[in-house]
């Protein structure tokens, strides 16, 4: 991602969705609502959600389920937009 303004916005963004032991299914509705209300949504994948899956796999799956564009994954965080 080469847009410095977008990078800065992503960096300053607070986590508003946390995926825990309930998995992706438990946050999909809230995640979609936030995507409707915001330009960008930052998600944190807690250890209890990851299990054997990597955060990148879960991030990709969440994006597909919610019809969102995955912009970036870094560590256990992911950023999306519609």
N, C-alpha and C. Protein backbone atom coordinates (compact mmCIF):
# COMPACT_ATOMS: atom_id res chain seq x y z
N UNK A 1 0.86 -1.17 0.00
CA UNK A 1 0.00 0.00 0.00
C UNK A 1 0.90 1.23 0.00
N UNK A 2 0.71 2.07 -0.99
CA UNK A 2 1.62 3.19 -1.17
C UNK A 2 1.01 4.55 -0.82
N UNK A 3 -0.24 4.62 -0.49
CA UNK A 3 -0.89 5.88 -0.18
C UNK A 3 -0.53 6.30 1.25
N UNK A 4 0.33 7.33 1.40
CA UNK A 4 0.76 7.72 2.75
C UNK A 4 -0.38 8.24 3.63
N UNK A 5 -1.37 8.89 3.03
CA UNK A 5 -2.50 9.39 3.82
C UNK A 5 -3.32 8.22 4.37
N UNK A 6 -3.54 7.20 3.55
CA UNK A 6 -4.27 6.02 3.99
C UNK A 6 -3.47 5.28 5.06
N UNK A 7 -2.17 5.18 4.89
CA UNK A 7 -1.31 4.53 5.88
C UNK A 7 -1.42 5.24 7.23
N UNK A 8 -1.39 6.55 7.21
CA UNK A 8 -1.48 7.34 8.44
C UNK A 8 -2.85 7.13 9.11
N UNK A 9 -3.90 7.12 8.29
CA UNK A 9 -5.25 6.90 8.82
C UNK A 9 -5.36 5.52 9.46
N UNK A 10 -4.81 4.51 8.80
CA UNK A 10 -4.82 3.15 9.35
C UNK A 10 -4.06 3.10 10.66
N UNK A 11 -2.91 3.74 10.70
CA UNK A 11 -2.08 3.73 11.91
C UNK A 11 -2.82 4.34 13.10
N UNK A 12 -3.54 5.41 12.85
CA UNK A 12 -4.24 6.13 13.92
C UNK A 12 -5.59 5.52 14.30
N UNK A 13 -6.04 4.54 13.54
CA UNK A 13 -7.35 3.93 13.74
C UNK A 13 -7.37 3.06 14.99
N UNK A 14 -8.44 3.16 15.76
CA UNK A 14 -8.61 2.31 16.94
C UNK A 14 -9.29 1.00 16.55
N UNK A 15 -8.98 -0.06 17.29
CA UNK A 15 -9.64 -1.35 17.10
C UNK A 15 -11.08 -1.20 17.58
N UNK A 16 -12.04 -1.56 16.72
CA UNK A 16 -13.45 -1.45 17.10
C UNK A 16 -14.15 -2.80 17.10
N UNK A 17 -13.47 -3.84 16.59
CA UNK A 17 -14.03 -5.19 16.60
C UNK A 17 -12.94 -6.13 17.09
N UNK A 18 -13.30 -7.00 18.04
CA UNK A 18 -12.38 -8.02 18.51
C UNK A 18 -13.00 -9.38 18.29
N UNK A 19 -12.25 -10.25 17.62
CA UNK A 19 -12.71 -11.61 17.37
C UNK A 19 -12.08 -12.49 18.43
N UNK A 20 -12.95 -13.11 19.26
CA UNK A 20 -12.49 -13.96 20.34
C UNK A 20 -12.89 -15.41 20.14
N UNK A 21 -13.13 -16.09 21.25
CA UNK A 21 -13.40 -17.53 21.17
C UNK A 21 -14.71 -17.85 20.44
N UNK A 22 -15.62 -16.88 20.30
CA UNK A 22 -16.85 -17.08 19.54
C UNK A 22 -16.60 -17.14 18.04
N UNK A 23 -15.41 -16.74 17.62
CA UNK A 23 -15.02 -16.80 16.22
C UNK A 23 -15.65 -15.70 15.38
N UNK A 24 -15.42 -15.80 14.12
CA UNK A 24 -15.88 -14.80 13.15
C UNK A 24 -17.40 -14.68 13.15
N UNK A 25 -18.08 -15.80 13.24
CA UNK A 25 -19.54 -15.80 13.17
C UNK A 25 -20.17 -14.88 14.22
N UNK A 26 -19.52 -14.77 15.37
CA UNK A 26 -20.10 -13.98 16.46
C UNK A 26 -19.97 -12.47 16.24
N UNK A 27 -19.14 -12.04 15.29
CA UNK A 27 -18.93 -10.60 15.09
C UNK A 27 -19.36 -10.10 13.72
N UNK A 28 -19.80 -10.99 12.84
CA UNK A 28 -20.10 -10.60 11.46
C UNK A 28 -21.13 -9.47 11.39
N UNK A 29 -22.22 -9.58 12.11
CA UNK A 29 -23.26 -8.54 12.05
C UNK A 29 -22.74 -7.19 12.52
N UNK A 30 -22.04 -7.17 13.64
CA UNK A 30 -21.47 -5.92 14.16
C UNK A 30 -20.44 -5.36 13.19
N UNK A 31 -19.63 -6.23 12.63
CA UNK A 31 -18.61 -5.82 11.66
C UNK A 31 -19.25 -5.17 10.43
N UNK A 32 -20.29 -5.79 9.91
CA UNK A 32 -21.00 -5.22 8.75
C UNK A 32 -21.60 -3.85 9.08
N UNK A 33 -22.21 -3.75 10.28
CA UNK A 33 -22.78 -2.47 10.71
C UNK A 33 -21.71 -1.38 10.76
N UNK A 34 -20.54 -1.73 11.29
CA UNK A 34 -19.47 -0.74 11.37
C UNK A 34 -18.96 -0.34 9.99
N UNK A 35 -18.89 -1.30 9.08
CA UNK A 35 -18.48 -0.98 7.71
C UNK A 35 -19.47 -0.03 7.05
N UNK A 36 -20.75 -0.17 7.40
CA UNK A 36 -21.76 0.74 6.85
C UNK A 36 -21.61 2.16 7.40
N UNK A 37 -21.09 2.27 8.62
CA UNK A 37 -20.99 3.57 9.30
C UNK A 37 -19.64 4.25 9.16
N UNK A 38 -18.60 3.50 8.82
CA UNK A 38 -17.23 4.04 8.82
C UNK A 38 -16.54 3.74 7.50
N UNK A 39 -15.50 4.53 7.22
CA UNK A 39 -14.70 4.28 6.02
C UNK A 39 -13.80 3.05 6.22
N UNK A 40 -13.21 2.96 7.41
CA UNK A 40 -12.28 1.89 7.72
C UNK A 40 -12.65 1.24 9.06
N UNK A 41 -12.42 -0.06 9.16
CA UNK A 41 -12.66 -0.78 10.42
C UNK A 41 -11.43 -1.62 10.72
N UNK A 42 -10.92 -1.47 11.96
CA UNK A 42 -9.77 -2.26 12.39
C UNK A 42 -10.25 -3.37 13.32
N UNK A 43 -9.78 -4.58 13.04
CA UNK A 43 -10.20 -5.77 13.79
C UNK A 43 -8.97 -6.41 14.43
N UNK A 44 -9.14 -6.85 15.67
CA UNK A 44 -8.08 -7.60 16.35
C UNK A 44 -8.54 -9.04 16.52
N UNK A 45 -7.66 -9.97 16.18
CA UNK A 45 -7.94 -11.39 16.35
C UNK A 45 -7.21 -11.87 17.60
N UNK A 46 -8.01 -12.11 18.65
CA UNK A 46 -7.45 -12.54 19.93
C UNK A 46 -6.93 -13.97 19.83
N UNK A 47 -6.04 -14.32 20.72
CA UNK A 47 -5.44 -15.66 20.74
C UNK A 47 -6.51 -16.74 20.78
N UNK A 48 -7.58 -16.53 21.53
CA UNK A 48 -8.63 -17.54 21.67
C UNK A 48 -9.35 -17.80 20.34
N UNK A 49 -9.33 -16.83 19.43
CA UNK A 49 -9.97 -17.00 18.12
C UNK A 49 -9.05 -17.71 17.15
N UNK A 50 -7.78 -17.50 17.31
CA UNK A 50 -6.83 -17.98 16.31
C UNK A 50 -6.66 -19.49 16.34
N UNK A 51 -6.49 -20.06 17.53
CA UNK A 51 -6.27 -21.50 17.61
C UNK A 51 -5.17 -21.92 16.67
N UNK A 52 -5.47 -22.81 15.75
CA UNK A 52 -4.47 -23.28 14.78
C UNK A 52 -4.41 -22.39 13.55
N UNK A 53 -5.38 -21.52 13.40
CA UNK A 53 -5.41 -20.63 12.24
C UNK A 53 -4.52 -19.42 12.47
N UNK A 54 -3.95 -18.95 11.41
CA UNK A 54 -3.18 -17.71 11.46
C UNK A 54 -4.15 -16.54 11.36
N UNK A 55 -3.77 -15.41 11.91
CA UNK A 55 -4.61 -14.21 11.85
C UNK A 55 -4.90 -13.83 10.40
N UNK A 56 -3.94 -14.01 9.51
CA UNK A 56 -4.15 -13.66 8.10
C UNK A 56 -5.26 -14.50 7.46
N UNK A 57 -5.33 -15.77 7.83
CA UNK A 57 -6.39 -16.64 7.31
C UNK A 57 -7.75 -16.18 7.80
N UNK A 58 -7.82 -15.88 9.10
CA UNK A 58 -9.08 -15.41 9.68
C UNK A 58 -9.48 -14.07 9.08
N UNK A 59 -8.51 -13.19 8.87
CA UNK A 59 -8.78 -11.87 8.29
C UNK A 59 -9.36 -12.02 6.89
N UNK A 60 -8.80 -12.90 6.11
CA UNK A 60 -9.29 -13.14 4.76
C UNK A 60 -10.71 -13.71 4.79
N UNK A 61 -10.93 -14.65 5.69
CA UNK A 61 -12.25 -15.27 5.82
C UNK A 61 -13.30 -14.25 6.24
N UNK A 62 -12.98 -13.39 7.19
CA UNK A 62 -13.92 -12.37 7.64
C UNK A 62 -14.26 -11.42 6.50
N UNK A 63 -13.27 -11.03 5.73
CA UNK A 63 -13.51 -10.15 4.59
C UNK A 63 -14.46 -10.77 3.58
N UNK A 64 -14.27 -12.07 3.30
CA UNK A 64 -15.14 -12.76 2.35
C UNK A 64 -16.57 -12.86 2.86
N UNK A 65 -16.72 -13.24 4.12
CA UNK A 65 -18.05 -13.42 4.72
C UNK A 65 -18.83 -12.10 4.75
N UNK A 66 -18.12 -11.01 5.04
CA UNK A 66 -18.79 -9.71 5.19
C UNK A 66 -18.74 -8.85 3.93
N UNK A 67 -18.19 -9.38 2.85
CA UNK A 67 -18.07 -8.65 1.60
C UNK A 67 -17.33 -7.33 1.82
N UNK A 68 -16.15 -7.43 2.45
CA UNK A 68 -15.33 -6.27 2.75
C UNK A 68 -13.95 -6.45 2.12
N UNK A 69 -13.33 -5.34 1.79
CA UNK A 69 -11.99 -5.39 1.21
C UNK A 69 -10.96 -5.37 2.35
N UNK A 70 -10.12 -6.38 2.37
CA UNK A 70 -9.04 -6.46 3.34
C UNK A 70 -7.90 -5.59 2.82
N UNK A 71 -7.61 -4.51 3.53
CA UNK A 71 -6.57 -3.58 3.10
C UNK A 71 -5.20 -3.97 3.62
N UNK A 72 -5.16 -4.45 4.86
CA UNK A 72 -3.87 -4.70 5.49
C UNK A 72 -4.02 -5.66 6.66
N UNK A 73 -3.04 -6.54 6.80
CA UNK A 73 -2.91 -7.32 8.03
C UNK A 73 -1.53 -7.03 8.59
N UNK A 74 -1.48 -6.90 9.88
CA UNK A 74 -0.21 -6.69 10.56
C UNK A 74 -0.32 -7.33 11.93
N UNK A 75 0.47 -8.36 12.15
CA UNK A 75 0.40 -9.09 13.41
C UNK A 75 -0.98 -9.73 13.55
N UNK A 76 -1.68 -9.36 14.60
CA UNK A 76 -3.01 -9.91 14.87
C UNK A 76 -4.12 -8.92 14.55
N UNK A 77 -3.79 -7.91 13.75
CA UNK A 77 -4.74 -6.87 13.38
C UNK A 77 -5.00 -6.91 11.87
N UNK A 78 -6.20 -6.47 11.51
CA UNK A 78 -6.54 -6.34 10.10
C UNK A 78 -7.40 -5.10 9.92
N UNK A 79 -7.28 -4.47 8.75
CA UNK A 79 -8.04 -3.27 8.43
C UNK A 79 -8.82 -3.53 7.14
N UNK A 80 -10.09 -3.11 7.16
CA UNK A 80 -11.01 -3.36 6.05
C UNK A 80 -11.73 -2.09 5.65
N UNK A 81 -12.26 -2.13 4.43
CA UNK A 81 -13.20 -1.11 3.96
C UNK A 81 -14.17 -1.80 3.01
N UNK A 82 -15.28 -1.12 2.73
CA UNK A 82 -16.28 -1.65 1.78
C UNK A 82 -15.79 -1.48 0.38
